[in-house]
Amino acid sequence: MSEILSENEFKSAAVRQARLLDHLRDEVFADAQKLKDVLGVSIATVRRDLNELETRGLLKRMHGGAALINQTTRDYTTPIREVTNAEEKALIGAAASELVVEGDAVMIDSGTTSLQAAKRLAGRQSLTFVTNGTDTLAQLVAGGARSLHFIGGEYIDLNHSLGGPMAVDAVRRFSVDKAILSVTAVDLDRGLIATLSPQIGAVQQAMIEVARTVIVVADHSKFQRSALSVIAPLRDIDHIVTNEETRPLTRSLPGDLRSKFIFV
């Protein structure tokens, strides 16, 4: 979307706003000045469009610009997610690792927050690991993990994981003490966790089935969006580790659900 269209081409607000949203689909964040240049309109017009689209729930205004929200079929690639909320993810991963005790068998998925837990756990020689994530596998090997099993299946480039029916079958051959899962969305209104695609979600469902204790790791941004493939209801999760910014969002939850949250 590098070309700039003329004012006449953007005289229709609906067409202009559709093009604005299309640009945001290619960007994690777009500042208002860049949108002005791309669309070839005034900064006042950009701001008016952003206000209207935010009112319609299609984007979130941020300082100087905007980002898309609530697109159930979209997530950012692993390199982008690795640097998004990186400090929060490190804290969450560290807290999740503290729930693992010596001698545990631990299943860790392919998410970037799960990866932070893997970094903390890799050097603990008494642990047995199972993963379907290629980045998680590399981190565990580099960290000195001694007992390690890798799940095969269809490679999914979006999150560097192995998924699909073959991976689901492989997961079900194990029984583990803990499962640490990253998710695309924690939907508090519906009381469920979700991810981007059925191929990923089916593997995570199988991980929940074979684990005695299920730990979900999710920073606050995961509570402000939706995702296509439902994994499980929150009641099936034992612990949800997140950062303090999420706490106000959980205050209206029933007590039994609030007790699942660990804030760091």
C-alpha atoms as a PDB file:
ATOM      1  CA  MET A   1       0.000   0.000   0.000  1.00  0.00           C
ATOM      2  CA  SER A   2       2.728   2.453  -0.915  1.00  0.00           C
ATOM      3  CA  GLU A   3       0.842   4.445  -3.547  1.00  0.00           C
ATOM      4  CA  ILE A   4      -0.983   7.676  -2.660  1.00  0.00           C
ATOM      5  CA  LEU A   5      -4.433   8.106  -4.143  1.00  0.00           C
ATOM      6  CA  SER A   6      -5.906  11.433  -5.188  1.00  0.00           C
ATOM      7  CA  GLU A   7      -8.462  13.374  -3.146  1.00  0.00           C
ATOM      8  CA  ASN A   8     -11.128  12.501  -5.735  1.00  0.00           C
ATOM      9  CA  GLU A   9     -10.523   8.797  -5.232  1.00  0.00           C
ATOM     10  CA  PHE A  10     -11.072   9.260  -1.515  1.00  0.00           C
ATOM     11  CA  LYS A  11     -14.098  11.529  -1.619  1.00  0.00           C
ATOM     12  CA  SER A  12     -16.180   8.639  -0.295  1.00  0.00           C
ATOM     13  CA  ALA A  13     -15.570   8.305   3.443  1.00  0.00           C
ATOM     14  CA  ALA A  14     -16.479   4.619   3.347  1.00  0.00           C
ATOM     15  CA  VAL A  15     -13.885   3.865   0.659  1.00  0.00           C
ATOM     16  CA  ARG A  16     -11.266   5.959   2.422  1.00  0.00           C
ATOM     17  CA  GLN A  17     -11.869   4.252   5.758  1.00  0.00           C
ATOM     18  CA  ALA A  18     -11.744   0.812   4.163  1.00  0.00           C
ATOM     19  CA  ARG A  19      -8.345   1.716   2.707  1.00  0.00           C
ATOM     20  CA  LEU A  20      -7.211   3.000   6.105  1.00  0.00           C
ATOM     21  CA  LEU A  21      -8.165  -0.322   7.711  1.00  0.00           C
ATOM     22  CA  ASP A  22      -6.441  -2.217   4.910  1.00  0.00           C
ATOM     23  CA  HIS A  23      -3.249  -0.300   5.663  1.00  0.00           C
ATOM     24  CA  LEU A  24      -3.530  -1.140   9.358  1.00  0.00           C
ATOM     25  CA  ARG A  25      -3.786  -4.839   8.506  1.00  0.00           C
ATOM     26  CA  ASP A  26      -0.226  -4.601   7.192  1.00  0.00           C
ATOM     27  CA  GLU A  27       1.086  -2.722  10.216  1.00  0.00           C
ATOM     28  CA  VAL A  28       1.219  -3.370  13.964  1.00  0.00           C
ATOM     29  CA  PHE A  29       0.786   0.375  14.461  1.00  0.00           C
ATOM     30  CA  ALA A  30       0.340   3.304  12.091  1.00  0.00           C
ATOM     31  CA  ASP A  31       0.885   6.900  13.148  1.00  0.00           C
ATOM     32  CA  ALA A  32      -1.520   9.584  12.010  1.00  0.00           C
ATOM     33  CA  GLN A  33       1.091  11.408   9.913  1.00  0.00           C
ATOM     34  CA  LYS A  34       1.875   8.269   7.923  1.00  0.00           C
ATOM     35  CA  LEU A  35      -1.817   7.653   7.366  1.00  0.00           C
ATOM     36  CA  LYS A  36      -2.161  11.252   6.135  1.00  0.00           C
ATOM     37  CA  ASP A  37       0.615  10.694   3.608  1.00  0.00           C
ATOM     38  CA  VAL A  38      -0.640   7.289   2.483  1.00  0.00           C
ATOM     39  CA  LEU A  39      -4.231   8.398   2.052  1.00  0.00           C
ATOM     40  CA  GLY A  40      -3.406  11.826   0.642  1.00  0.00           C
ATOM     41  CA  VAL A  41      -5.825  13.658   2.942  1.00  0.00           C
ATOM     42  CA  SER A  42      -5.516  16.197   5.722  1.00  0.00           C
ATOM     43  CA  ILE A  43      -4.483  15.251   9.257  1.00  0.00           C
ATOM     44  CA  ALA A  44      -7.883  16.472  10.441  1.00  0.00           C
ATOM     45  CA  THR A  45      -9.595  13.988   8.110  1.00  0.00           C
ATOM     46  CA  VAL A  46      -7.391  11.164   9.370  1.00  0.00           C
ATOM     47  CA  ARG A  47      -8.203  11.984  12.986  1.00  0.00           C
ATOM     48  CA  ARG A  48     -11.915  12.174  12.224  1.00  0.00           C
ATOM     49  CA  ASP A  49     -11.803   8.784  10.517  1.00  0.00           C
ATOM     50  CA  LEU A  50      -9.842   7.253  13.398  1.00  0.00           C
ATOM     51  CA  ASN A  51     -12.380   8.555  15.899  1.00  0.00           C
ATOM     52  CA  GLU A  52     -15.273   7.133  13.900  1.00  0.00           C
ATOM     53  CA  LEU A  53     -13.628   3.744  13.389  1.00  0.00           C
ATOM     54  CA  GLU A  54     -12.761   3.519  17.080  1.00  0.00           C
ATOM     55  CA  THR A  55     -16.395   4.257  17.956  1.00  0.00           C
ATOM     56  CA  ARG A  56     -17.372   1.352  15.691  1.00  0.00           C
ATOM     57  CA  GLY A  57     -14.927  -0.916  17.537  1.00  0.00           C
ATOM     58  CA  LEU A  58     -12.670  -1.492  14.519  1.00  0.00           C
ATOM     59  CA  LEU A  59      -9.448   0.006  15.880  1.00  0.00           C
ATOM     60  CA  LYS A  60      -7.877   1.374  19.023  1.00  0.00           C
ATOM     61  CA  ARG A  61      -6.572   4.935  19.170  1.00  0.00           C
ATOM     62  CA  MET A  62      -3.124   5.219  20.668  1.00  0.00           C
ATOM     63  CA  HIS A  63      -0.768   8.121  21.176  1.00  0.00           C
ATOM     64  CA  GLY A  64      -0.164   9.535  17.707  1.00  0.00           C
ATOM     65  CA  GLY A  65      -2.005   6.875  15.741  1.00  0.00           C
ATOM     66  CA  ALA A  66      -3.956   3.627  15.901  1.00  0.00           C
ATOM     67  CA  ALA A  67      -3.860  -0.179  15.720  1.00  0.00           C
ATOM     68  CA  LEU A  68      -6.440  -2.772  14.737  1.00  0.00           C
ATOM     69  CA  ILE A  69      -8.332  -4.702  17.368  1.00  0.00           C
ATOM     70  CA  ASN A  70     -10.690  -7.683  17.446  1.00  0.00           C
ATOM     71  CA  GLN A  71      -9.754  -9.316  14.159  1.00  0.00           C
ATOM     72  CA  THR A  72     -10.411 -12.946  14.899  1.00  0.00           C
ATOM     73  CA  THR A  73      -8.377 -14.282  11.970  1.00  0.00           C
ATOM     74  CA  ARG A  74      -5.269 -12.136  12.442  1.00  0.00           C
ATOM     75  CA  ASP A  75      -2.189 -12.395  14.598  1.00  0.00           C
ATOM     76  CA  TYR A  76       1.304 -11.022  14.187  1.00  0.00           C
ATOM     77  CA  THR A  77       4.227 -13.165  13.109  1.00  0.00           C
ATOM     78  CA  THR A  78       6.658 -14.552  15.674  1.00  0.00           C
ATOM     79  CA  PRO A  79       9.418 -11.929  15.110  1.00  0.00           C
ATOM     80  CA  ILE A  80       6.906  -9.141  15.761  1.00  0.00           C
ATOM     81  CA  ARG A  81       5.363 -10.863  18.781  1.00  0.00           C
ATOM     82  CA  GLU A  82       8.788 -11.496  20.300  1.00  0.00           C
ATOM     83  CA  VAL A  83       9.432  -7.763  20.657  1.00  0.00           C
ATOM     84  CA  THR A  84       5.862  -6.805  21.584  1.00  0.00           C
ATOM     85  CA  ASN A  85       5.414  -6.402  25.369  1.00  0.00           C
ATOM     86  CA  ALA A  86       8.749  -8.221  25.777  1.00  0.00           C
ATOM     87  CA  GLU A  87       9.353  -7.086  29.375  1.00  0.00           C
ATOM     88  CA  GLU A  88       5.899  -8.212  30.475  1.00  0.00           C
ATOM     89  CA  LYS A  89       6.342 -11.573  28.759  1.00  0.00           C
ATOM     90  CA  ALA A  90       9.653 -12.140  30.541  1.00  0.00           C
ATOM     91  CA  LEU A  91       8.046 -11.478  33.933  1.00  0.00           C
ATOM     92  CA  ILE A  92       5.083 -13.709  33.126  1.00  0.00           C
ATOM     93  CA  GLY A  93       7.336 -16.521  31.912  1.00  0.00           C
ATOM     94  CA  ALA A  94       9.422 -16.309  35.075  1.00  0.00           C
ATOM     95  CA  ALA A  95       6.309 -16.500  37.270  1.00  0.00           C
ATOM     96  CA  ALA A  96       4.963 -19.469  35.337  1.00  0.00           C
ATOM     97  CA  SER A  97       8.263 -21.313  35.730  1.00  0.00           C
ATOM     98  CA  GLU A  98       7.939 -21.026  39.498  1.00  0.00           C
ATOM     99  CA  LEU A  99       4.830 -23.229  39.349  1.00  0.00           C
ATOM    100  CA  VAL A 100       6.953 -26.128  38.075  1.00  0.00           C
ATOM    101  CA  VAL A 101       8.492 -28.404  40.719  1.00  0.00           C
ATOM    102  CA  GLU A 102      11.485 -30.706  40.502  1.00  0.00           C
ATOM    103  CA  GLY A 103      10.778 -33.934  38.652  1.00  0.00           C
ATOM    104  CA  ASP A 104       7.848 -32.551  36.651  1.00  0.00           C
ATOM    105  CA  ALA A 105       7.098 -33.519  33.076  1.00  0.00           C
ATOM    106  CA  VAL A 106       6.308 -30.203  31.370  1.00  0.00           C
ATOM    107  CA  MET A 107       4.632 -29.639  28.013  1.00  0.00           C
ATOM    108  CA  ILE A 108       5.392 -26.191  26.556  1.00  0.00           C
ATOM    109  CA  ASP A 109       3.787 -24.868  23.404  1.00  0.00           C
ATOM    110  CA  SER A 110       5.186 -22.546  20.762  1.00  0.00           C
ATOM    111  CA  GLY A 111       4.118 -19.109  22.002  1.00  0.00           C
ATOM    112  CA  THR A 112       6.526 -16.261  22.639  1.00  0.00           C
ATOM    113  CA  THR A 113       5.426 -15.993  26.287  1.00  0.00           C
ATOM    114  CA  SER A 114       5.763 -19.753  26.749  1.00  0.00           C
ATOM    115  CA  LEU A 115       9.256 -19.369  25.321  1.00  0.00           C
ATOM    116  CA  GLN A 116      10.150 -17.124  28.256  1.00  0.00           C
ATOM    117  CA  ALA A 117       9.116 -19.877  30.661  1.00  0.00           C
ATOM    118  CA  ALA A 118      11.210 -22.367  28.675  1.00  0.00           C
ATOM    119  CA  LYS A 119      14.252 -20.113  29.075  1.00  0.00           C
ATOM    120  CA  ARG A 120      13.832 -20.249  32.850  1.00  0.00           C
ATOM    121  CA  LEU A 121      13.229 -23.988  33.004  1.00  0.00           C
ATOM    122  CA  ALA A 122      15.760 -25.352  30.496  1.00  0.00           C
ATOM    123  CA  GLY A 123      18.615 -25.696  32.953  1.00  0.00           C
ATOM    124  CA  ARG A 124      16.656 -27.670  35.549  1.00  0.00           C
ATOM    125  CA  GLN A 125      18.046 -31.137  35.005  1.00  0.00           C
ATOM    126  CA  SER A 126      15.291 -33.076  36.788  1.00  0.00           C
ATOM    127  CA  LEU A 127      12.593 -31.915  34.369  1.00  0.00           C
ATOM    128  CA  THR A 128      11.271 -33.719  31.292  1.00  0.00           C
ATOM    129  CA  PHE A 129      10.082 -31.518  28.443  1.00  0.00           C
ATOM    130  CA  VAL A 130       7.656 -32.019  25.580  1.00  0.00           C
ATOM    131  CA  THR A 131       7.133 -29.290  22.961  1.00  0.00           C
ATOM    132  CA  ASN A 132       5.710 -28.686  19.510  1.00  0.00           C
ATOM    133  CA  GLY A 133       7.508 -25.352  19.051  1.00  0.00           C
ATOM    134  CA  THR A 134      10.690 -25.111  17.024  1.00  0.00           C
ATOM    135  CA  ASP A 135      11.853 -21.981  18.887  1.00  0.00           C
ATOM    136  CA  THR A 136      10.988 -23.618  22.207  1.00  0.00           C
ATOM    137  CA  LEU A 137      12.932 -26.725  21.191  1.00  0.00           C
ATOM    138  CA  ALA A 138      15.979 -24.633  20.269  1.00  0.00           C
ATOM    139  CA  GLN A 139      15.787 -22.731  23.551  1.00  0.00           C
ATOM    140  CA  LEU A 140      15.530 -25.893  25.637  1.00  0.00           C
ATOM    141  CA  VAL A 141      18.470 -27.489  23.815  1.00  0.00           C
ATOM    142  CA  ALA A 142      20.575 -24.341  24.169  1.00  0.00           C
ATOM    143  CA  GLY A 143      19.682 -24.132  27.858  1.00  0.00           C
ATOM    144  CA  GLY A 144      20.892 -27.640  28.576  1.00  0.00           C
ATOM    145  CA  ALA A 145      17.646 -29.627  28.837  1.00  0.00           C
ATOM    146  CA  ARG A 146      18.513 -33.313  29.264  1.00  0.00           C
ATOM    147  CA  SER A 147      15.175 -35.067  28.723  1.00  0.00           C
ATOM    148  CA  LEU A 148      13.332 -33.635  25.746  1.00  0.00           C
ATOM    149  CA  HIS A 149      10.617 -34.863  23.362  1.00  0.00           C
ATOM    150  CA  PHE A 150       9.582 -33.064  20.173  1.00  0.00           C
ATOM    151  CA  ILE A 151       6.095 -33.272  18.665  1.00  0.00           C
ATOM    152  CA  GLY A 152       5.935 -33.686  14.882  1.00  0.00           C
ATOM    153  CA  GLY A 153       3.228 -32.584  12.470  1.00  0.00           C
ATOM    154  CA  GLU A 154       2.376 -29.871   9.954  1.00  0.00           C
ATOM    155  CA  TYR A 155       4.717 -26.866  10.211  1.00  0.00           C
ATOM    156  CA  ILE A 156       2.896 -23.593  10.933  1.00  0.00           C
ATOM    157  CA  ASP A 157       5.124 -20.643  10.123  1.00  0.00           C
ATOM    158  CA  LEU A 158       3.010 -18.056  11.938  1.00  0.00           C
ATOM    159  CA  ASN A 159       4.061 -19.284  15.378  1.00  0.00           C
ATOM    160  CA  HIS A 160       6.884 -21.686  14.467  1.00  0.00           C
ATOM    161  CA  SER A 161       4.962 -24.730  15.664  1.00  0.00           C
ATOM    162  CA  LEU A 162       3.968 -28.206  14.528  1.00  0.00           C
ATOM    163  CA  GLY A 163       0.207 -28.630  14.348  1.00  0.00           C
ATOM    164  CA  GLY A 164      -2.585 -30.532  12.661  1.00  0.00           C
ATOM    165  CA  PRO A 165      -3.909 -34.083  13.256  1.00  0.00           C
ATOM    166  CA  MET A 166      -0.471 -35.721  13.409  1.00  0.00           C
ATOM    167  CA  ALA A 167       0.617 -33.366  16.177  1.00  0.00           C
ATOM    168  CA  VAL A 168      -2.654 -33.910  18.076  1.00  0.00           C
ATOM    169  CA  ASP A 169      -2.138 -37.688  17.976  1.00  0.00           C
ATOM    170  CA  ALA A 170       1.456 -37.302  19.146  1.00  0.00           C
ATOM    171  CA  VAL A 171       0.474 -35.083  22.090  1.00  0.00           C
ATOM    172  CA  ARG A 172      -2.057 -37.666  23.256  1.00  0.00           C
ATOM    173  CA  ARG A 173       0.713 -40.249  23.609  1.00  0.00           C
ATOM    174  CA  PHE A 174       2.003 -38.321  26.629  1.00  0.00           C
ATOM    175  CA  SER A 175       0.845 -37.652  30.167  1.00  0.00           C
ATOM    176  CA  VAL A 176       2.431 -34.617  31.824  1.00  0.00           C
ATOM    177  CA  ASP A 177       2.340 -32.811  35.145  1.00  0.00           C
ATOM    178  CA  LYS A 178       2.204 -29.286  33.747  1.00  0.00           C
ATOM    179  CA  ALA A 179       1.266 -27.695  30.419  1.00  0.00           C
ATOM    180  CA  ILE A 180       2.303 -24.100  29.725  1.00  0.00           C
ATOM    181  CA  LEU A 181       0.276 -22.509  26.929  1.00  0.00           C
ATOM    182  CA  SER A 182       0.347 -19.166  25.152  1.00  0.00           C
ATOM    183  CA  VAL A 183      -2.929 -18.001  23.637  1.00  0.00           C
ATOM    184  CA  THR A 184      -4.042 -15.369  21.152  1.00  0.00           C
ATOM    185  CA  ALA A 185      -7.014 -14.214  23.221  1.00  0.00           C
ATOM    186  CA  VAL A 186      -8.493 -14.497  26.708  1.00  0.00           C
ATOM    187  CA  ASP A 187     -12.159 -13.610  26.253  1.00  0.00           C
ATOM    188  CA  LEU A 188     -13.437 -12.684  29.717  1.00  0.00           C
ATOM    189  CA  ASP A 189     -16.941 -11.894  28.446  1.00  0.00           C
ATOM    190  CA  ARG A 190     -17.405 -15.401  27.079  1.00  0.00           C
ATOM    191  CA  GLY A 191     -15.161 -17.078  29.643  1.00  0.00           C
ATOM    192  CA  LEU A 192     -12.806 -18.824  27.233  1.00  0.00           C
ATOM    193  CA  ILE A 193      -9.360 -18.868  25.675  1.00  0.00           C
ATOM    194  CA  ALA A 194      -8.820 -18.871  21.928  1.00  0.00           C
ATOM    195  CA  THR A 195      -6.113 -18.945  19.279  1.00  0.00           C
ATOM    196  CA  LEU A 196      -5.735 -18.002  15.651  1.00  0.00           C
ATOM    197  CA  SER A 197      -6.355 -21.258  13.798  1.00  0.00           C
ATOM    198  CA  PRO A 198      -7.958 -24.678  14.323  1.00  0.00           C
ATOM    199  CA  GLN A 199      -4.611 -26.352  13.524  1.00  0.00           C
ATOM    200  CA  ILE A 200      -3.019 -24.605  16.503  1.00  0.00           C
ATOM    201  CA  GLY A 201      -6.090 -24.836  18.722  1.00  0.00           C
ATOM    202  CA  ALA A 202      -6.544 -28.589  18.307  1.00  0.00           C
ATOM    203  CA  VAL A 203      -3.000 -29.216  19.567  1.00  0.00           C
ATOM    204  CA  GLN A 204      -3.557 -26.985  22.586  1.00  0.00           C
ATOM    205  CA  GLN A 205      -6.825 -28.789  23.354  1.00  0.00           C
ATOM    206  CA  ALA A 206      -4.917 -32.071  23.361  1.00  0.00           C
ATOM    207  CA  MET A 207      -2.279 -30.557  25.657  1.00  0.00           C
ATOM    208  CA  ILE A 208      -5.004 -29.604  28.136  1.00  0.00           C
ATOM    209  CA  GLU A 209      -6.346 -33.166  27.999  1.00  0.00           C
ATOM    210  CA  VAL A 210      -3.013 -34.780  28.917  1.00  0.00           C
ATOM    211  CA  ALA A 211      -1.894 -32.331  31.641  1.00  0.00           C
ATOM    212  CA  ARG A 212      -2.660 -32.531  35.340  1.00  0.00           C
ATOM    213  CA  THR A 213      -2.184 -28.765  35.705  1.00  0.00           C
ATOM    214  CA  VAL A 214      -2.740 -26.264  32.890  1.00  0.00           C
ATOM    215  CA  ILE A 215      -1.013 -22.876  33.016  1.00  0.00           C
ATOM    216  CA  VAL A 216      -1.949 -20.161  30.526  1.00  0.00           C
ATOM    217  CA  VAL A 217       0.520 -17.295  30.054  1.00  0.00           C
ATOM    218  CA  ALA A 218      -0.859 -14.102  28.515  1.00  0.00           C
ATOM    219  CA  ASP A 219       0.053 -10.420  28.737  1.00  0.00           C
ATOM    220  CA  HIS A 220      -2.643  -7.744  29.029  1.00  0.00           C
ATOM    221  CA  SER A 221      -2.959  -7.242  25.251  1.00  0.00           C
ATOM    222  CA  LYS A 222      -4.473 -10.732  24.909  1.00  0.00           C
ATOM    223  CA  PHE A 223      -7.458  -9.603  26.985  1.00  0.00           C
ATOM    224  CA  GLN A 224      -8.363  -6.891  24.472  1.00  0.00           C
ATOM    225  CA  ARG A 225      -9.011  -9.031  21.409  1.00  0.00           C
ATOM    226  CA  SER A 226     -10.759 -12.098  20.017  1.00  0.00           C
ATOM    227  CA  ALA A 227      -9.509 -15.088  18.034  1.00  0.00           C
ATOM    228  CA  LEU A 228     -11.067 -17.549  15.623  1.00  0.00           C
ATOM    229  CA  SER A 229     -10.493 -20.945  17.240  1.00  0.00           C
ATOM    230  CA  VAL A 230     -11.814 -21.603  20.755  1.00  0.00           C
ATOM    231  CA  ILE A 231      -9.446 -23.744  22.823  1.00  0.00           C
ATOM    232  CA  ALA A 232     -11.255 -24.206  26.126  1.00  0.00           C
ATOM    233  CA  PRO A 233     -13.383 -22.491  28.778  1.00  0.00           C
ATOM    234  CA  LEU A 234     -11.509 -20.666  31.516  1.00  0.00           C
ATOM    235  CA  ARG A 235     -12.888 -23.189  34.017  1.00  0.00           C
ATOM    236  CA  ASP A 236     -10.657 -25.858  32.431  1.00  0.00           C
ATOM    237  CA  ILE A 237      -7.534 -23.802  33.177  1.00  0.00           C
ATOM    238  CA  ASP A 238      -5.800 -24.053  36.554  1.00  0.00           C
ATOM    239  CA  HIS A 239      -3.659 -20.882  36.460  1.00  0.00           C
ATOM    240  CA  ILE A 240      -3.636 -17.789  34.245  1.00  0.00           C
ATOM    241  CA  VAL A 241      -0.404 -15.833  34.641  1.00  0.00           C
ATOM    242  CA  THR A 242      -0.553 -12.249  33.433  1.00  0.00           C
ATOM    243  CA  ASN A 243       0.738  -8.777  34.256  1.00  0.00           C
ATOM    244  CA  GLU A 244      -0.731  -6.259  36.704  1.00  0.00           C
ATOM    245  CA  GLU A 245      -2.313  -4.185  33.948  1.00  0.00           C
ATOM    246  CA  THR A 246      -4.865  -6.961  33.507  1.00  0.00           C
ATOM    247  CA  ARG A 247      -6.103  -6.906  37.121  1.00  0.00           C
ATOM    248  CA  PRO A 248      -8.877  -4.290  36.665  1.00  0.00           C
ATOM    249  CA  LEU A 249     -10.381  -6.365  33.839  1.00  0.00           C
ATOM    250  CA  THR A 250     -10.917  -9.352  36.156  1.00  0.00           C
ATOM    251  CA  ARG A 251     -12.726  -7.645  39.037  1.00  0.00           C
ATOM    252  CA  SER A 252     -16.203  -8.484  37.776  1.00  0.00           C
ATOM    253  CA  LEU A 253     -15.440 -12.188  37.319  1.00  0.00           C
ATOM    254  CA  PRO A 254     -16.905 -14.803  39.681  1.00  0.00           C
ATOM    255  CA  GLY A 255     -14.617 -15.604  42.586  1.00  0.00           C
ATOM    256  CA  ASP A 256     -13.729 -19.075  41.355  1.00  0.00           C
ATOM    257  CA  LEU A 257     -12.421 -17.613  38.092  1.00  0.00           C
ATOM    258  CA  ARG A 258     -10.616 -14.687  39.741  1.00  0.00           C
ATOM    259  CA  SER A 259      -8.727 -17.137  41.936  1.00  0.00           C
ATOM    260  CA  LYS A 260      -7.092 -18.638  38.848  1.00  0.00           C
ATOM    261  CA  PHE A 261      -5.221 -15.411  38.048  1.00  0.00           C
ATOM    262  CA  ILE A 262      -1.625 -14.745  39.073  1.00  0.00           C
ATOM    263  CA  PHE A 263      -0.537 -11.123  38.543  1.00  0.00           C
ATOM    264  CA  VAL A 264       3.114 -10.134  38.156  1.00  0.00           C
END
